[in-house]
Amino acid sequence: MSHESPCLSCGACCAHFRVSFYWGECQSTGGTVPDELTLQISSHHACMKGTQSNPPRCVALVGEVGTRVSCSIYENRSSTCREFDILNEDGSANEACTRARALHGLPPVSFDNDREDSAA
């Protein structure tokens, strides 16, 4: 049975953190991130527009946080977004994800490890 990613009904990270990355990831320098969706924040770094604001919300985030969301540039997103996950490498919950969810009134992601018993 396939389970949908909890990220598709969340989006809290995209509406909580500044999404900054090395400017070389922008399309004008050979990267994938569309330049028109970024702001230069230093001589070597850019961020996604909207994430420098208070409250932050990435311009590429589509939908309502906590209901249904998607990224309008998913295939072209920055390494910062590609590397952010609900789990740490050791399988434990990512505290940054949990914190962003809490600030949007969402509970921590729960992991249902129960599987249907197919034995007769």
N, C-alpha and C. Protein backbone atom coordinates (compact mmCIF):
# COMPACT_ATOMS: atom_id res chain seq x y z
N MET A 1 0.84 -1.17 0.00
CA MET A 1 0.00 0.00 0.00
C MET A 1 0.89 1.24 0.00
N SER A 2 0.59 2.19 -0.85
CA SER A 2 1.36 3.41 -0.95
C SER A 2 0.81 4.47 0.00
N HIS A 3 1.70 5.16 0.68
CA HIS A 3 1.30 6.22 1.61
C HIS A 3 1.76 7.55 1.06
N GLU A 4 0.88 8.55 1.10
CA GLU A 4 1.22 9.89 0.64
C GLU A 4 2.14 10.56 1.65
N SER A 5 3.09 11.31 1.18
CA SER A 5 4.01 12.02 2.06
C SER A 5 3.25 13.04 2.90
N PRO A 6 3.55 13.11 4.19
CA PRO A 6 2.90 14.12 5.04
C PRO A 6 3.27 15.54 4.60
N CYS A 7 4.33 15.70 3.84
CA CYS A 7 4.73 17.02 3.36
C CYS A 7 3.69 17.63 2.42
N LEU A 8 2.92 16.78 1.73
CA LEU A 8 1.91 17.28 0.78
C LEU A 8 0.71 17.90 1.46
N SER A 9 0.59 17.69 2.76
CA SER A 9 -0.49 18.35 3.50
C SER A 9 0.07 19.28 4.57
N CYS A 10 1.33 19.64 4.46
CA CYS A 10 1.96 20.46 5.49
C CYS A 10 2.42 21.80 4.94
N GLY A 11 3.65 21.90 4.47
CA GLY A 11 4.21 23.15 3.96
C GLY A 11 4.74 24.08 5.02
N ALA A 12 4.75 23.64 6.28
CA ALA A 12 5.18 24.51 7.38
C ALA A 12 6.62 24.98 7.22
N CYS A 13 7.50 24.12 6.72
CA CYS A 13 8.90 24.53 6.56
C CYS A 13 9.02 25.65 5.54
N CYS A 14 8.21 25.61 4.50
CA CYS A 14 8.24 26.63 3.44
C CYS A 14 7.64 27.95 3.90
N ALA A 15 6.93 27.91 5.00
CA ALA A 15 6.29 29.11 5.55
C ALA A 15 6.84 29.42 6.94
N HIS A 16 8.08 29.00 7.18
CA HIS A 16 8.70 29.29 8.48
C HIS A 16 10.17 29.69 8.36
N PHE A 17 10.92 29.02 7.50
CA PHE A 17 12.36 29.24 7.41
C PHE A 17 12.74 30.12 6.23
N ARG A 18 13.85 30.85 6.37
CA ARG A 18 14.42 31.52 5.20
C ARG A 18 15.14 30.45 4.40
N VAL A 19 14.81 30.34 3.13
CA VAL A 19 15.41 29.34 2.27
C VAL A 19 16.57 30.00 1.53
N SER A 20 17.77 29.89 2.10
CA SER A 20 18.94 30.48 1.48
C SER A 20 19.86 29.38 0.95
N PHE A 21 20.64 29.74 -0.07
CA PHE A 21 21.49 28.77 -0.74
C PHE A 21 22.58 29.50 -1.52
N TYR A 22 23.58 28.79 -1.96
CA TYR A 22 24.68 29.34 -2.74
C TYR A 22 24.12 29.88 -4.06
N TRP A 23 24.54 31.10 -4.42
CA TRP A 23 24.00 31.76 -5.61
C TRP A 23 24.23 30.96 -6.89
N GLY A 24 25.20 30.07 -6.90
CA GLY A 24 25.49 29.25 -8.07
C GLY A 24 24.36 28.28 -8.41
N GLU A 25 23.37 28.15 -7.54
CA GLU A 25 22.22 27.30 -7.83
C GLU A 25 21.16 28.01 -8.68
N CYS A 26 21.34 29.31 -8.91
CA CYS A 26 20.38 30.08 -9.72
C CYS A 26 20.60 29.77 -11.21
N GLN A 27 19.54 29.82 -12.00
CA GLN A 27 19.61 29.49 -13.41
C GLN A 27 20.63 30.33 -14.17
N SER A 28 20.76 31.61 -13.83
CA SER A 28 21.68 32.48 -14.55
C SER A 28 23.14 32.07 -14.39
N THR A 29 23.43 31.24 -13.41
CA THR A 29 24.80 30.77 -13.20
C THR A 29 24.96 29.29 -13.50
N GLY A 30 23.94 28.71 -14.16
CA GLY A 30 24.01 27.30 -14.53
C GLY A 30 23.25 26.37 -13.61
N GLY A 31 22.61 26.91 -12.59
CA GLY A 31 21.83 26.09 -11.67
C GLY A 31 20.41 25.89 -12.15
N THR A 32 19.55 25.47 -11.25
CA THR A 32 18.17 25.14 -11.61
C THR A 32 17.12 26.09 -11.05
N VAL A 33 17.46 26.86 -10.03
CA VAL A 33 16.47 27.71 -9.36
C VAL A 33 16.19 28.96 -10.20
N PRO A 34 14.92 29.19 -10.58
CA PRO A 34 14.59 30.36 -11.40
C PRO A 34 15.00 31.67 -10.72
N ASP A 35 15.79 32.48 -11.42
CA ASP A 35 16.28 33.75 -10.88
C ASP A 35 15.17 34.66 -10.42
N GLU A 36 14.06 34.71 -11.15
CA GLU A 36 12.98 35.64 -10.82
C GLU A 36 12.29 35.31 -9.50
N LEU A 37 12.58 34.14 -8.94
CA LEU A 37 11.99 33.75 -7.66
C LEU A 37 12.96 33.91 -6.50
N THR A 38 14.12 34.51 -6.77
CA THR A 38 15.15 34.64 -5.74
C THR A 38 15.53 36.09 -5.47
N LEU A 39 16.16 36.29 -4.32
CA LEU A 39 16.75 37.58 -3.95
C LEU A 39 18.19 37.33 -3.56
N GLN A 40 19.08 38.22 -3.93
CA GLN A 40 20.47 38.13 -3.49
C GLN A 40 20.54 38.63 -2.06
N ILE A 41 21.13 37.85 -1.15
CA ILE A 41 21.22 38.26 0.25
C ILE A 41 22.66 38.53 0.69
N SER A 42 23.62 38.09 -0.11
CA SER A 42 25.03 38.41 0.14
C SER A 42 25.76 38.20 -1.18
N SER A 43 27.06 38.41 -1.17
CA SER A 43 27.80 38.27 -2.43
C SER A 43 27.80 36.83 -2.95
N HIS A 44 27.53 35.86 -2.08
CA HIS A 44 27.56 34.46 -2.51
C HIS A 44 26.28 33.68 -2.21
N HIS A 45 25.27 34.35 -1.68
CA HIS A 45 24.05 33.64 -1.31
C HIS A 45 22.80 34.34 -1.83
N ALA A 46 21.81 33.52 -2.12
CA ALA A 46 20.48 33.98 -2.53
C ALA A 46 19.48 33.32 -1.61
N CYS A 47 18.24 33.81 -1.66
CA CYS A 47 17.16 33.14 -0.93
C CYS A 47 15.92 33.17 -1.80
N MET A 48 15.01 32.30 -1.49
CA MET A 48 13.74 32.29 -2.20
C MET A 48 12.94 33.51 -1.76
N LYS A 49 12.37 34.22 -2.73
CA LYS A 49 11.54 35.38 -2.40
C LYS A 49 10.44 34.95 -1.44
N GLY A 50 10.14 35.82 -0.53
CA GLY A 50 9.11 35.57 0.46
C GLY A 50 9.65 35.00 1.75
N THR A 51 10.78 34.28 1.67
CA THR A 51 11.32 33.68 2.89
C THR A 51 12.14 34.67 3.71
N GLN A 52 12.41 35.84 3.16
CA GLN A 52 13.12 36.88 3.90
C GLN A 52 12.14 37.76 4.67
N SER A 53 10.85 37.56 4.43
CA SER A 53 9.80 38.37 5.06
C SER A 53 9.45 37.86 6.45
N ASN A 54 8.66 38.64 7.16
CA ASN A 54 8.16 38.22 8.46
C ASN A 54 6.64 38.41 8.47
N PRO A 55 5.85 37.38 8.44
CA PRO A 55 6.23 35.97 8.47
C PRO A 55 6.71 35.50 7.09
N PRO A 56 7.62 34.55 7.08
CA PRO A 56 8.13 34.03 5.81
C PRO A 56 7.12 33.12 5.12
N ARG A 57 7.16 33.11 3.81
CA ARG A 57 6.41 32.15 2.99
C ARG A 57 7.06 32.13 1.62
N CYS A 58 7.56 31.00 1.24
CA CYS A 58 8.24 30.86 -0.05
C CYS A 58 7.27 31.15 -1.18
N VAL A 59 7.74 31.94 -2.14
CA VAL A 59 6.94 32.30 -3.30
C VAL A 59 6.56 31.07 -4.14
N ALA A 60 7.33 30.00 -4.04
CA ALA A 60 7.06 28.78 -4.80
C ALA A 60 6.04 27.86 -4.11
N LEU A 61 5.68 28.17 -2.88
CA LEU A 61 4.70 27.35 -2.15
C LEU A 61 3.30 27.63 -2.67
N VAL A 62 2.61 26.58 -3.07
CA VAL A 62 1.25 26.68 -3.58
C VAL A 62 0.33 25.95 -2.62
N GLY A 63 -0.77 26.57 -2.25
CA GLY A 63 -1.75 25.92 -1.39
C GLY A 63 -1.78 26.51 0.00
N GLU A 64 -2.52 25.82 0.86
CA GLU A 64 -2.71 26.27 2.23
C GLU A 64 -1.95 25.38 3.19
N VAL A 65 -1.07 26.01 3.99
CA VAL A 65 -0.27 25.27 4.97
C VAL A 65 -1.20 24.47 5.88
N GLY A 66 -0.86 23.20 6.05
CA GLY A 66 -1.64 22.32 6.92
C GLY A 66 -2.82 21.65 6.24
N THR A 67 -3.08 22.01 4.99
CA THR A 67 -4.21 21.43 4.27
C THR A 67 -3.74 20.65 3.04
N ARG A 68 -3.24 21.37 2.06
CA ARG A 68 -2.75 20.74 0.82
C ARG A 68 -1.78 21.71 0.18
N VAL A 69 -0.54 21.31 -0.04
CA VAL A 69 0.47 22.18 -0.61
C VAL A 69 1.29 21.46 -1.67
N SER A 70 1.98 22.26 -2.46
CA SER A 70 2.96 21.73 -3.41
C SER A 70 3.97 22.83 -3.69
N CYS A 71 5.05 22.46 -4.33
CA CYS A 71 6.10 23.40 -4.71
C CYS A 71 6.02 23.61 -6.21
N SER A 72 5.86 24.86 -6.62
CA SER A 72 5.72 25.15 -8.05
C SER A 72 7.02 24.94 -8.83
N ILE A 73 8.14 24.80 -8.14
CA ILE A 73 9.42 24.54 -8.82
C ILE A 73 10.08 23.28 -8.27
N TYR A 74 9.30 22.32 -7.86
CA TYR A 74 9.81 21.13 -7.18
C TYR A 74 11.05 20.52 -7.87
N GLU A 75 10.99 20.32 -9.15
CA GLU A 75 12.12 19.72 -9.88
C GLU A 75 13.32 20.66 -9.94
N ASN A 76 13.11 21.96 -9.74
CA ASN A 76 14.19 22.95 -9.83
C ASN A 76 14.53 23.57 -8.48
N ARG A 77 14.05 23.00 -7.38
CA ARG A 77 14.26 23.59 -6.05
C ARG A 77 15.73 23.53 -5.66
N SER A 78 16.07 24.35 -4.68
CA SER A 78 17.47 24.46 -4.23
C SER A 78 17.89 23.25 -3.40
N SER A 79 19.19 23.15 -3.18
CA SER A 79 19.72 22.07 -2.35
C SER A 79 19.18 22.17 -0.92
N THR A 80 18.93 23.38 -0.45
CA THR A 80 18.38 23.55 0.90
C THR A 80 17.06 22.80 1.02
N CYS A 81 16.22 22.93 0.03
CA CYS A 81 14.92 22.24 0.03
C CYS A 81 15.08 20.75 -0.20
N ARG A 82 15.98 20.38 -1.10
CA ARG A 82 16.19 18.96 -1.38
C ARG A 82 16.71 18.21 -0.16
N GLU A 83 17.49 18.88 0.67
CA GLU A 83 18.10 18.23 1.82
C GLU A 83 17.24 18.25 3.07
N PHE A 84 16.21 19.08 3.11
CA PHE A 84 15.34 19.14 4.29
C PHE A 84 14.39 17.95 4.26
N ASP A 85 14.27 17.26 5.38
CA ASP A 85 13.43 16.07 5.44
C ASP A 85 12.73 16.02 6.79
N ILE A 86 11.67 15.26 6.86
CA ILE A 86 10.96 15.11 8.13
C ILE A 86 11.72 14.22 9.10
N LEU A 87 12.68 13.45 8.56
CA LEU A 87 13.51 12.58 9.38
C LEU A 87 14.98 12.95 9.27
N ASN A 88 15.71 12.73 10.34
CA ASN A 88 17.16 12.86 10.31
C ASN A 88 17.73 11.59 9.69
N GLU A 89 19.02 11.60 9.39
CA GLU A 89 19.65 10.43 8.78
C GLU A 89 19.52 9.18 9.64
N ASP A 90 19.45 9.34 10.96
CA ASP A 90 19.34 8.18 11.86
C ASP A 90 17.90 7.69 12.03
N GLY A 91 16.96 8.32 11.32
CA GLY A 91 15.57 7.90 11.39
C GLY A 91 14.75 8.61 12.45
N SER A 92 15.39 9.45 13.25
CA SER A 92 14.65 10.20 14.27
C SER A 92 13.95 11.40 13.63
N ALA A 93 12.95 11.92 14.32
CA ALA A 93 12.20 13.06 13.81
C ALA A 93 13.10 14.29 13.71
N ASN A 94 12.98 15.03 12.64
CA ASN A 94 13.73 16.27 12.45
C ASN A 94 13.09 17.35 13.31
N GLU A 95 13.83 17.84 14.30
CA GLU A 95 13.30 18.83 15.24
C GLU A 95 12.91 20.12 14.54
N ALA A 96 13.60 20.50 13.48
CA ALA A 96 13.25 21.72 12.75
C ALA A 96 11.88 21.56 12.10
N CYS A 97 11.58 20.39 11.57
CA CYS A 97 10.26 20.11 11.00
C CYS A 97 9.20 20.18 12.09
N THR A 98 9.46 19.52 13.20
CA THR A 98 8.51 19.50 14.31
C THR A 98 8.23 20.92 14.81
N ARG A 99 9.28 21.74 14.92
CA ARG A 99 9.15 23.12 15.39
C ARG A 99 8.32 23.96 14.41
N ALA A 100 8.60 23.84 13.11
CA ALA A 100 7.85 24.59 12.10
C ALA A 100 6.38 24.18 12.11
N ARG A 101 6.12 22.89 12.22
CA ARG A 101 4.74 22.41 12.28
C ARG A 101 4.01 22.98 13.50
N ALA A 102 4.68 22.97 14.65
CA ALA A 102 4.06 23.47 15.88
C ALA A 102 3.70 24.95 15.74
N LEU A 103 4.56 25.73 15.11
CA LEU A 103 4.30 27.16 14.94
C LEU A 103 3.11 27.43 14.01
N HIS A 104 2.72 26.43 13.25
CA HIS A 104 1.54 26.54 12.38
C HIS A 104 0.36 25.76 12.95
N GLY A 105 0.48 25.35 14.22
CA GLY A 105 -0.62 24.65 14.89
C GLY A 105 -0.79 23.22 14.45
N LEU A 106 0.27 22.63 13.89
CA LEU A 106 0.20 21.24 13.42
C LEU A 106 0.94 20.32 14.38
N PRO A 107 0.44 19.13 14.60
CA PRO A 107 1.12 18.19 15.50
C PRO A 107 2.37 17.63 14.83
N PRO A 108 3.27 17.04 15.60
CA PRO A 108 4.44 16.39 15.00
C PRO A 108 3.98 15.30 14.03
N VAL A 109 4.79 15.03 13.03
CA VAL A 109 4.48 13.96 12.10
C VAL A 109 4.52 12.64 12.86
N SER A 110 3.49 11.84 12.70
CA SER A 110 3.49 10.53 13.35
C SER A 110 3.82 9.49 12.29
N PHE A 111 4.53 8.49 12.71
CA PHE A 111 4.95 7.43 11.80
C PHE A 111 4.24 6.16 12.20
N ASP A 112 3.32 5.74 11.37
CA ASP A 112 2.54 4.54 11.64
C ASP A 112 3.33 3.34 11.14
N ASN A 113 3.88 2.61 12.07
CA ASN A 113 4.68 1.44 11.70
C ASN A 113 3.84 0.16 11.66
N ASP A 114 2.54 0.29 11.94
CA ASP A 114 1.68 -0.89 11.89
C ASP A 114 1.46 -1.30 10.44
N ARG A 115 1.60 -2.55 10.20
CA ARG A 115 1.37 -3.09 8.87
C ARG A 115 0.29 -4.15 8.96
N GLU A 116 -0.47 -4.24 7.88
CA GLU A 116 -1.52 -5.25 7.87
C GLU A 116 -0.90 -6.63 7.92
N ASP A 117 -1.44 -7.45 8.74
CA ASP A 117 -0.96 -8.83 8.85
C ASP A 117 -1.62 -9.64 7.75
N SER A 118 -0.79 -10.12 6.82
CA SER A 118 -1.35 -10.88 5.70
C SER A 118 -1.38 -12.38 5.98
N ALA A 119 -0.98 -12.80 7.18
CA ALA A 119 -1.03 -14.22 7.50
C ALA A 119 -2.47 -14.67 7.71
N ALA A 120 -2.79 -15.87 7.24
CA ALA A 120 -4.16 -16.38 7.36
C ALA A 120 -4.34 -17.20 8.60
